[in-house]
């Protein structure tokens, strides 16, 4: 029998991220960011071992929870803002050889900041390299968003600019139609597969002979800033591509939506209550929420509140917003099922938004379950989508905007 090639996947994850603190273990669409890269490697048929190279014990602990090995902690001098990949990978390979006598046939580089991967990408890339021993590496590339043949170099202000590159046979490519220019591809960091000899012998993360593995641009998402994070998460959880998930894949926002069901305390309010000397209660609500609900109503989407509390303040606010109100429900699931049966609404066309444990039984009864940003962790983990805003601070308006966008409003 032919011995199966030894393929080592390495996920580099330092602990000192400044743009997004604790980025590598921050929850992205319900799971620690690093978990996506770990699981993508572990589920690949060709990968025989996966390690995380980190300087941070907290990251190492999370990595182990998702099945990665952390045989060492990376030295601090290899975990700086400007530390390139090469010495990190050289350290890992040298350590494994020196301490375990372990030497792989190929090394897979899985960056945690590019979590959205096609299910077959790792295996496709590894097989390309194993089938082409003359290559130094395989690099994941996708059609470039901007054409480099229309880009310029600048020497300084008020000085002539120069084209970035020429195109043989095309005079002034920067003035040519895009359709006649060569197709250009970008390296987004989604995956690289490298021969160990390239890393250790050629002192390179790529070498000179680099073969491509192509993927669709919909998988391009590099999370360097909070805005990158928010946009990628929103796109992923509302209309994302088929990909590797660390756990159960969240459901997508339904195409058809007839009803929005909301908890009250902690969703339409910030969960605080003011009580006067006579026991009267007051809460704070956001006018943006009521306007968003009005917009939904105009698009044919009704809204109903189901609340555990029996309180005049709930009744008053719901009346003001012109929405249905069901109160005093310790067990919200039967109340929700009764509501849907009475209105003859398909549960698949319903969105539910909550924040606390008594909302969880409603989640599997609807087509899309949503949690506000400050929901309990157990609730956020089971939600299909976690909003960017906390309850009482226009979280419902944010949800309304997502639904309106889906309906093309």
Protein backbone atom coordinates (compact mmCIF):
# COMPACT_ATOMS: atom_id res chain seq x y z
CA UNK A 1 0.00 0.00 0.00
CA UNK A 2 1.14 3.52 -0.78
CA UNK A 3 1.81 5.54 2.35
CA UNK A 4 -0.53 8.48 2.74
CA UNK A 5 1.35 11.78 2.50
CA UNK A 6 1.85 13.58 5.80
CA UNK A 7 0.13 16.95 5.48
CA UNK A 8 0.47 19.43 8.33
CA UNK A 9 -1.95 22.36 8.62
CA UNK A 10 -0.72 25.34 10.61
CA UNK A 11 -3.01 28.09 11.89
CA UNK A 12 -0.91 31.08 13.06
CA UNK A 13 -2.71 33.16 15.69
CA UNK A 14 -0.92 35.71 17.81
CA UNK A 15 -2.52 37.31 20.83
CA UNK A 16 -1.63 40.97 20.33
CA UNK A 17 -4.18 42.16 17.77
CA UNK A 18 -4.74 45.93 18.10
CA UNK A 19 -7.24 46.73 15.35
CA UNK A 20 -9.75 44.26 16.83
CA UNK A 21 -8.72 43.23 20.38
CA UNK A 22 -8.69 39.46 21.01
CA UNK A 23 -9.63 39.09 17.35
CA UNK A 24 -8.65 35.45 16.90
CA UNK A 25 -11.04 34.23 19.61
CA UNK A 26 -13.76 36.85 19.24
CA UNK A 27 -17.10 35.36 18.21
CA UNK A 28 -17.70 35.60 14.47
CA UNK A 29 -21.22 34.49 13.48
CA UNK A 30 -21.49 32.60 16.75
CA UNK A 31 -18.09 30.88 16.88
CA UNK A 32 -14.54 31.96 17.79
CA UNK A 33 -12.87 33.28 14.64
CA UNK A 34 -10.02 30.80 14.86
CA UNK A 35 -12.45 27.87 14.94
CA UNK A 36 -13.32 28.30 11.24
CA UNK A 37 -9.73 27.72 10.10
CA UNK A 38 -9.18 24.87 12.55
CA UNK A 39 -12.29 23.02 11.44
CA UNK A 40 -11.55 23.63 7.75
CA UNK A 41 -8.23 21.83 8.23
CA UNK A 42 -9.52 19.02 10.42
CA UNK A 43 -12.36 18.17 8.04
CA UNK A 44 -10.10 17.99 5.00
CA UNK A 45 -9.42 14.42 3.87
CA UNK A 46 -5.82 15.21 2.94
CA UNK A 47 -4.77 16.87 6.22
CA UNK A 48 -3.23 14.44 8.71
CA UNK A 49 -2.35 16.85 11.50
CA UNK A 50 -3.26 20.41 12.54
CA UNK A 51 -1.51 22.70 14.99
CA UNK A 52 -2.01 26.28 16.11
CA UNK A 53 1.09 28.42 16.49
CA UNK A 54 0.33 31.06 19.11
CA UNK A 55 2.03 33.03 21.85
CA UNK A 56 -1.18 33.25 23.88
CA UNK A 57 -2.47 30.62 26.30
CA UNK A 58 -6.09 31.81 25.99
CA UNK A 59 -5.96 31.31 22.22
CA UNK A 60 -4.30 27.92 22.75
CA UNK A 61 -7.10 26.85 25.09
CA UNK A 62 -9.82 27.79 22.60
CA UNK A 63 -7.88 26.09 19.80
CA UNK A 64 -7.72 22.83 21.76
CA UNK A 65 -11.47 22.98 22.37
CA UNK A 66 -11.98 22.80 18.61
CA UNK A 67 -9.55 19.91 18.10
CA UNK A 68 -6.24 21.62 17.30
CA UNK A 69 -2.90 20.70 18.81
CA UNK A 70 -0.85 23.37 20.56
CA UNK A 71 2.47 21.59 21.18
CA UNK A 72 4.31 24.82 22.00
CA UNK A 73 3.80 28.50 22.69
CA UNK A 74 5.43 30.68 20.08
CA UNK A 75 8.27 32.92 21.37
CA UNK A 76 7.28 36.54 21.95
CA UNK A 77 9.79 37.77 19.41
CA UNK A 78 7.81 35.91 16.73
CA UNK A 79 4.47 37.48 17.70
CA UNK A 80 4.92 41.17 16.88
CA UNK A 81 2.77 43.38 14.67
CA UNK A 82 5.29 43.19 11.85
CA UNK A 83 6.45 39.59 12.23
CA UNK A 84 6.22 37.95 8.77
CA UNK A 85 4.90 34.44 8.24
CA UNK A 86 8.24 32.88 7.27
CA UNK A 87 10.00 32.79 10.68
CA UNK A 88 6.76 31.63 12.32
CA UNK A 89 6.54 28.62 10.01
CA UNK A 90 10.27 27.94 10.20
CA UNK A 91 9.99 27.90 14.00
CA UNK A 92 7.05 25.46 13.92
CA UNK A 93 8.73 23.03 11.51
CA UNK A 94 12.07 23.18 13.32
CA UNK A 95 10.42 22.66 16.71
CA UNK A 96 8.43 19.65 15.49
CA UNK A 97 11.51 18.06 13.94
CA UNK A 98 13.71 18.71 16.96
CA UNK A 99 11.21 17.67 19.65
CA UNK A 100 9.23 14.95 17.86
CA UNK A 101 11.25 13.92 14.82
CA UNK A 102 8.21 14.94 12.77
CA UNK A 103 8.61 16.15 9.16
CA UNK A 104 5.54 16.62 6.91
CA UNK A 105 5.40 16.24 3.15
CA UNK A 106 3.34 19.42 2.74
CA UNK A 107 2.33 22.37 4.90
CA UNK A 108 -1.08 24.06 4.71
CA UNK A 109 -1.29 27.71 5.79
CA UNK A 110 -4.75 28.57 7.16
CA UNK A 111 -5.04 32.17 8.27
CA UNK A 112 -7.70 32.73 10.94
CA UNK A 113 -8.61 36.15 9.50
CA UNK A 114 -10.05 34.54 6.34
CA UNK A 115 -12.72 32.26 7.82
CA UNK A 116 -15.11 31.84 4.87
CA UNK A 117 -13.85 28.82 2.92
CA UNK A 118 -15.47 26.50 0.36
CA UNK A 119 -15.79 22.97 1.79
CA UNK A 120 -13.48 21.46 -0.85
CA UNK A 121 -10.81 24.16 -1.00
CA UNK A 122 -8.21 22.65 1.32
CA UNK A 123 -8.28 19.24 -0.37
CA UNK A 124 -8.14 20.77 -3.86
CA UNK A 125 -5.11 22.86 -2.97
CA UNK A 126 -3.23 20.00 -1.26
CA UNK A 127 -3.82 17.61 -4.14
CA UNK A 128 -2.54 20.12 -6.67
CA UNK A 129 0.77 20.40 -4.80
CA UNK A 130 1.12 16.65 -4.20
CA UNK A 131 0.44 15.98 -7.89
CA UNK A 132 3.09 18.51 -8.96
CA UNK A 133 6.37 17.91 -7.12
CA UNK A 134 8.07 20.44 -9.39
CA UNK A 135 6.02 23.24 -7.78
CA UNK A 136 7.23 25.13 -4.73
CA UNK A 137 3.73 26.00 -3.51
CA UNK A 138 0.04 26.39 -4.32
CA UNK A 139 -1.65 29.70 -3.67
CA UNK A 140 -5.37 30.45 -3.43
CA UNK A 141 -6.38 33.18 -5.86
CA UNK A 142 -9.61 34.79 -7.03
CA UNK A 143 -10.49 37.28 -9.80
CA UNK A 144 -9.17 40.68 -8.74
CA UNK A 145 -11.67 43.29 -7.66
CA UNK A 146 -9.60 46.05 -9.30
CA UNK A 147 -7.68 45.74 -12.56
CA UNK A 148 -3.94 46.28 -11.94
CA UNK A 149 -3.41 47.32 -15.56
CA UNK A 150 -5.31 50.51 -14.77
CA UNK A 151 -3.27 51.28 -11.64
CA UNK A 152 -0.53 53.90 -11.28
CA UNK A 153 2.67 54.63 -9.38
CA UNK A 154 3.32 58.13 -8.09
CA UNK A 155 6.67 59.77 -7.44
CA UNK A 156 5.28 62.72 -5.53
CA UNK A 157 2.86 65.60 -5.68
CA UNK A 158 2.84 67.56 -8.98
CA UNK A 159 5.01 64.93 -10.66
CA UNK A 160 4.05 62.65 -13.56
CA UNK A 161 2.41 59.35 -12.68
CA UNK A 162 3.51 56.06 -14.24
CA UNK A 163 1.48 52.93 -15.08
CA UNK A 164 2.00 50.07 -12.66
CA UNK A 165 2.64 47.59 -15.46
CA UNK A 166 2.58 47.18 -19.23
CA UNK A 167 0.60 44.72 -21.34
CA UNK A 168 2.45 43.28 -24.34
CA UNK A 169 0.62 44.11 -27.57
CA UNK A 170 -1.68 46.71 -25.99
CA UNK A 171 -0.62 50.33 -26.18
CA UNK A 172 -1.81 52.37 -23.20
CA UNK A 173 -3.65 49.57 -21.37
CA UNK A 174 -4.85 52.09 -18.81
CA UNK A 175 -7.00 53.59 -21.59
CA UNK A 176 -8.11 50.24 -23.02
CA UNK A 177 -11.53 48.62 -22.41
CA UNK A 178 -11.49 46.22 -19.49
CA UNK A 179 -12.67 43.40 -21.76
CA UNK A 180 -9.46 43.39 -23.84
CA UNK A 181 -7.10 43.32 -20.86
CA UNK A 182 -5.73 40.09 -19.39
CA UNK A 183 -7.66 38.58 -16.51
CA UNK A 184 -5.94 39.42 -13.22
CA UNK A 185 -6.18 37.46 -9.97
CA UNK A 186 -5.64 38.43 -6.34
CA UNK A 187 -4.18 36.47 -3.45
CA UNK A 188 -6.53 36.96 -0.50
CA UNK A 189 -4.79 34.67 1.96
CA UNK A 190 -7.57 32.07 2.04
CA UNK A 191 -5.13 29.17 1.64
CA UNK A 192 -1.52 28.35 0.74
CA UNK A 193 0.06 24.92 0.53
CA UNK A 194 3.85 24.79 0.59
CA UNK A 195 6.60 22.20 0.40
CA UNK A 196 8.62 22.24 3.64
CA UNK A 197 11.76 22.54 1.53
CA UNK A 198 10.45 25.84 0.20
CA UNK A 199 10.10 27.21 3.74
CA UNK A 200 13.31 25.77 5.20
CA UNK A 201 15.55 25.51 2.15
CA UNK A 202 14.49 28.42 -0.06
CA UNK A 203 13.63 30.67 2.92
CA UNK A 204 10.33 31.52 1.26
CA UNK A 205 6.63 31.08 1.89
CA UNK A 206 6.00 30.58 -1.81
CA UNK A 207 9.16 29.89 -3.82
CA UNK A 208 9.23 30.73 -7.50
CA UNK A 209 7.06 27.99 -9.01
CA UNK A 210 3.60 28.80 -7.67
CA UNK A 211 0.50 26.97 -8.91
CA UNK A 212 -3.00 28.40 -8.53
CA UNK A 213 -6.10 27.05 -6.82
CA UNK A 214 -9.08 29.16 -7.83
CA UNK A 215 -12.10 30.10 -5.73
CA UNK A 216 -15.13 32.33 -6.15
CA UNK A 217 -14.80 35.98 -5.02
CA UNK A 218 -17.79 35.50 -2.69
CA UNK A 219 -15.35 33.82 -0.29
CA UNK A 220 -13.11 36.88 -0.06
CA UNK A 221 -13.33 38.45 3.39
CA UNK A 222 -10.31 39.68 5.33
CA UNK A 223 -11.15 40.87 8.83
CA UNK A 224 -8.77 43.69 9.65
CA UNK A 225 -11.15 46.36 10.99
CA UNK A 226 -14.45 46.41 12.92
CA UNK A 227 -16.22 47.49 9.70
CA UNK A 228 -14.73 44.52 7.83
CA UNK A 229 -16.03 42.29 10.60
CA UNK A 230 -19.55 43.74 10.63
CA UNK A 231 -19.97 43.60 6.85
CA UNK A 232 -18.63 40.06 6.54
CA UNK A 233 -20.78 38.76 9.38
CA UNK A 234 -23.92 40.42 8.06
CA UNK A 235 -23.36 39.08 4.55
CA UNK A 236 -22.53 35.62 5.83
CA UNK A 237 -25.61 35.29 8.03
CA UNK A 238 -28.14 36.79 5.65
CA UNK A 239 -27.06 35.48 2.26
CA UNK A 240 -23.70 33.73 2.60
CA UNK A 241 -22.13 31.02 0.42
CA UNK A 242 -21.76 27.31 1.14
CA UNK A 243 -18.80 27.04 3.53
CA UNK A 244 -17.15 25.15 6.38
CA UNK A 245 -18.84 25.89 9.71
CA UNK A 246 -17.36 24.98 13.11
CA UNK A 247 -20.76 23.68 14.25
CA UNK A 248 -24.31 23.69 13.02
CA UNK A 249 -24.65 26.18 10.21
CA UNK A 250 -27.07 29.00 11.06
CA UNK A 251 -30.16 29.31 8.93
CA UNK A 252 -30.42 32.10 6.38
CA UNK A 253 -32.90 34.95 6.53
CA UNK A 254 -36.03 33.55 4.81
CA UNK A 255 -36.98 34.78 1.37
CA UNK A 256 -40.59 35.25 2.49
CA UNK A 257 -41.30 36.93 5.84
CA UNK A 258 -44.83 37.47 7.16
CA UNK A 259 -44.33 38.07 10.87
CA UNK A 260 -41.75 39.52 13.26
CA UNK A 261 -42.09 38.36 16.88
CA UNK A 262 -40.25 40.28 19.60
CA UNK A 263 -39.51 39.87 23.27
CA UNK A 264 -40.07 43.14 25.14
CA UNK A 265 -37.62 43.58 28.05
CA UNK A 266 -34.06 43.57 26.77
CA UNK A 267 -35.11 43.81 23.10
CA UNK A 268 -37.39 46.83 22.83
CA UNK A 269 -35.84 48.15 26.06
CA UNK A 270 -32.35 48.04 27.54
CA UNK A 271 -33.64 45.68 30.27
CA UNK A 272 -33.62 48.38 32.96
CA UNK A 273 -36.72 49.61 34.78
CA UNK A 274 -37.40 52.78 36.80
CA UNK A 275 -39.74 52.36 39.78
CA UNK A 276 -41.28 55.28 41.68
CA UNK A 277 -42.40 55.32 45.31
CA UNK A 278 -45.85 54.07 44.33
CA UNK A 279 -44.47 51.08 42.44
CA UNK A 280 -45.15 52.47 38.97
CA UNK A 281 -42.63 51.30 36.41
CA UNK A 282 -41.09 53.13 33.48
CA UNK A 283 -38.75 51.87 30.76
CA UNK A 284 -36.69 53.47 28.01
CA UNK A 285 -37.47 52.65 24.38
CA UNK A 286 -36.02 53.78 21.06
CA UNK A 287 -38.13 55.68 18.53
CA UNK A 288 -36.07 54.18 15.74
CA UNK A 289 -37.52 50.77 16.58
CA UNK A 290 -41.11 51.94 16.16
CA UNK A 291 -40.29 53.60 12.83
CA UNK A 292 -38.66 50.40 11.58
CA UNK A 293 -41.77 48.45 12.59
CA UNK A 294 -43.90 50.98 10.65
CA UNK A 295 -41.77 50.39 7.57
CA UNK A 296 -42.24 46.64 7.90
CA UNK A 297 -45.99 47.06 8.25
CA UNK A 298 -46.06 49.01 5.00
CA UNK A 299 -44.29 46.06 3.35
CA UNK A 300 -46.87 43.60 4.67
CA UNK A 301 -44.89 42.27 7.64
CA UNK A 302 -46.80 42.26 10.95
CA UNK A 303 -45.15 42.54 14.38
CA UNK A 304 -46.21 40.96 17.67
CA UNK A 305 -44.64 41.21 21.13
CA UNK A 306 -44.63 38.20 23.48
CA UNK A 307 -43.60 39.16 27.00
CA UNK A 308 -43.14 37.31 30.26
CA UNK A 309 -44.23 40.41 32.17
CA UNK A 310 -47.81 41.53 32.72
CA UNK A 311 -47.31 45.25 32.95
CA UNK A 312 -49.21 48.37 31.80
CA UNK A 313 -45.97 49.79 30.42
CA UNK A 314 -45.77 46.89 27.93
CA UNK A 315 -49.38 47.44 26.90
CA UNK A 316 -48.85 51.18 26.49
CA UNK A 317 -45.72 50.86 24.39
CA UNK A 318 -47.20 48.20 22.12
CA UNK A 319 -50.33 50.31 21.63
CA UNK A 320 -48.15 53.29 20.74
CA UNK A 321 -46.29 51.17 18.15
CA UNK A 322 -49.57 49.66 16.89
CA UNK A 323 -48.35 46.08 17.35
CA UNK A 324 -49.98 43.01 18.85
CA UNK A 325 -49.12 42.17 22.46
CA UNK A 326 -49.25 38.89 24.37
CA UNK A 327 -48.30 39.23 28.04
CA UNK A 328 -47.76 37.06 31.10
CA UNK A 329 -46.28 34.12 29.21
CA UNK A 330 -43.77 32.23 31.34
CA UNK A 331 -43.56 29.64 28.57
CA UNK A 332 -43.44 31.58 25.31
CA UNK A 333 -43.25 28.60 22.93
CA UNK A 334 -46.91 27.50 23.28
CA UNK A 335 -48.03 31.12 22.98
CA UNK A 336 -46.02 31.46 19.77
CA UNK A 337 -47.41 28.22 18.34
CA UNK A 338 -50.98 29.29 19.18
CA UNK A 339 -50.40 32.69 17.54
CA UNK A 340 -49.12 31.12 14.31
CA UNK A 341 -51.99 28.64 14.22
CA UNK A 342 -54.60 31.37 14.74
CA UNK A 343 -53.10 33.53 12.00
CA UNK A 344 -52.39 30.54 9.75
CA UNK A 345 -48.77 31.61 9.24
CA UNK A 346 -46.09 29.18 8.13
CA UNK A 347 -43.42 29.15 10.90
CA UNK A 348 -40.74 29.22 8.17
CA UNK A 349 -41.92 32.76 7.36
CA UNK A 350 -41.45 34.07 10.90
CA UNK A 351 -38.52 35.92 12.51
CA UNK A 352 -38.14 35.88 16.32
CA UNK A 353 -35.86 38.20 18.31
CA UNK A 354 -34.96 37.62 21.96
CA UNK A 355 -32.26 38.08 24.56
CA UNK A 356 -32.81 35.74 27.51
CA UNK A 357 -33.11 32.03 28.30
CA UNK A 358 -36.91 31.99 28.19
CA UNK A 359 -36.69 33.01 24.52
CA UNK A 360 -34.67 29.93 23.51
CA UNK A 361 -37.67 27.53 23.15
CA UNK A 362 -39.03 29.84 20.44
CA UNK A 363 -35.88 29.71 18.32
CA UNK A 364 -36.47 26.31 16.63
CA UNK A 365 -40.14 27.14 16.03
CA UNK A 366 -39.45 29.91 13.49
CA UNK A 367 -37.57 30.39 10.24
CA UNK A 368 -34.92 32.73 11.65
CA UNK A 369 -33.91 33.28 15.27
CA UNK A 370 -32.17 36.53 16.19
CA UNK A 371 -30.45 37.77 19.37
CA UNK A 372 -29.61 41.34 20.34
CA UNK A 373 -25.94 42.22 20.80
CA UNK A 374 -26.09 42.03 24.61
CA UNK A 375 -28.08 38.79 24.78
CA UNK A 376 -26.93 36.09 27.19
CA UNK A 377 -24.06 34.07 25.64
CA UNK A 378 -26.17 30.91 25.61
CA UNK A 379 -28.82 32.76 23.59
CA UNK A 380 -26.32 34.29 21.17
CA UNK A 381 -24.77 30.88 20.52
CA UNK A 382 -28.09 29.38 19.47
CA UNK A 383 -29.29 32.32 17.40
CA UNK A 384 -29.05 32.29 13.62
CA UNK A 385 -27.96 35.93 13.75
CA UNK A 386 -26.66 38.30 16.43
CA UNK A 387 -27.43 41.98 15.90
CA UNK A 388 -24.76 44.63 16.21
CA UNK A 389 -26.84 46.78 18.59
CA UNK A 390 -27.96 45.98 22.14
CA UNK A 391 -31.59 45.88 23.22
CA UNK A 392 -33.19 49.29 23.63
CA UNK A 393 -30.62 50.96 21.39
CA UNK A 394 -32.32 50.50 18.00
CA UNK A 395 -31.57 46.79 17.78
CA UNK A 396 -35.08 46.20 16.42
CA UNK A 397 -34.57 48.94 13.84
CA UNK A 398 -31.39 47.14 12.71
CA UNK A 399 -33.37 43.92 12.35
CA UNK A 400 -36.13 45.71 10.44
CA UNK A 401 -33.53 47.09 8.01
CA UNK A 402 -32.21 43.57 7.35
CA UNK A 403 -35.73 42.32 6.61
CA UNK A 404 -36.51 45.31 4.40
CA UNK A 405 -33.30 44.79 2.45
CA UNK A 406 -34.22 41.14 1.93
CA UNK A 407 -37.63 42.19 0.62
CA UNK A 408 -36.01 44.68 -1.73
CA UNK A 409 -37.46 47.74 -0.05
